[in-house]
Amino acid sequence: MGYQAESRQRGVALLMTMTALAILTVLGLAISTTGRIAFMINENEEEAIEAGYIAEAGLNHARELIIDMNTADYTTLLQSGADDTGCTGDELSAVADDPIPSAGYDFGGGSYVVSVCDDDDGDDDTDADSNGSVRVQSVGTGADGASATVELMLGTEDLPGFLVDGNLRINGNPTINGAGGSVHSNGDLMLVGNPCAQLHFSTGNLVDSNGDPIADPSVLGADTGANCNESGGDLDMRSDEDGISVPAMDFQALYDAVDYRLENDGTITDVATGLDVTGVLSEWGWDAGNVKWTLSGNSVTPGSYYAVESNVTISGSPGSQNNPTDFSLVTDGYIDMSGNPSFTPNLTVGGLLYSLVVGTDLGLSGNSGTAGSQGIHYAHHQVMFNGNPNLFGQVIVADDDDTPIYGNNNLAVLDGDGFMEVSGNATITYEGGGGFGGMAISGWREVRN
């Protein structure tokens, strides 16, 4: 009996040992499987994160290209690829510098493909934009094949009615009216006299008449300026503001689009026919010594003009504020306009209306100006306003360095402290929506694959 009991005990011990071993084996396998699953999850997550970073790099690349394209005409952007169709991945493949091929752009061991797509704007045309908004999608693929998709919505926002890429002194009583009636200087801004903006003045640095920084904008606003702003109170001054990118001007596009070219040999070309019409447009005179076209009478043939590598002086008074003449003028040099002329712009390129565009300086004095439609007034160097000029539309000043060309003459020069000055009683009325706009990111999201 003792032997049988001992045998049973050994059997039970063996069974318990085998059971324990089985349990340990199962646990070991479970731990091993869990470890492998955790490793795979971690690896997949790392690959997904890598793909996400690549996709974001694609969005950043696309945004920089679109900024450089300097366009708010998103229809042109949608149709800029080889197939003239939006959302196919080739919309940014034809840019001059660092394009994004439709087959993908190699990055970080992987690649990304970027598409520019029309949003749901209700026009039933995926290749045309009708609301100033598009969707940019970037699909990033990692080195191990994982992919991620991110999107952002691009819209547009108005640039100020008067924008200067440099230091600006307003010395006098200019008024900037309208729904877009704001003034911005990317450099120092000095207000002397009684300027007024319907919206606000903004700058990176507000300075006093000695050029010293003003920490509290309300100090200046308390005793300077007429009460023309929306609140009816003192000037709305905004210092320490971010810079605003000043758009570049596509002079070649304007050159191609005008009706007449004032050539720098004293002849005038009708662009549509290619004929010399110098004798027909006899109101224009040519000053070879100063490389300058002159318009001194009180009439001008309506149309759009481009003065090639030359300057223009307008001293007559064609048109009036009540009856402006259809006229747009682009020059590689300067425009010096005095007297009492009044023009309404008629040059449209890329959906924007251009009024007076100069490669160097824009000088307005007397009661000269533009009326009617909201056109763009652009100076690659500086503007010089005095007297009582009256402009309808947007004024953009690139404030580039003076380079005297075409007769070695500049109308406007920066003072010893590097300020461009606007004086007199100029009036600028900008209602917004018709001029240059900046690119605005209105939304961003990650798309789960």
Foldseek 3Di string as FASTA:
>chain_A
DVVVVVVVVVVVVVVVVVVVVVVVVVVVVVVVVVVVVVVVVVVLVVQQVQQVVQQVVVVVVVVVLVVQVQALQVLCLQLCAPVRHFFQQRSQVPDDPDGAHSVFDDDDLWTKTKTKWEDPPPPPGGNGHDASKIKIKMWGAHNVGDIWMKIFMKGWFFDAQAEAAFFAEEAAEAEQAAQRFEYEYAYEYEYHAAYYTQAAYEYQFYAYPVRHTDPDPVVQQVPHHAQNYPVSGTGHYHYNDHDDDFGDDDVVQQVLQWQWECELVRWIAGNVVRDTCCVVQVQWGADNLQSEIEREEQAGDAIEYEYEQGEYEYNYAHAAQVGAGAYAYEYAAEYAYEDHHEYEYDTDDSQATAHYYYNAEYEYAHAYEYYDDAHEHEHAAYYEYAHEYEYEHGYGYVNDADDQGRNRDHPWDAPPVRYGYYYYYYYYYYHDDRHRIDMDTDGMDIDDD
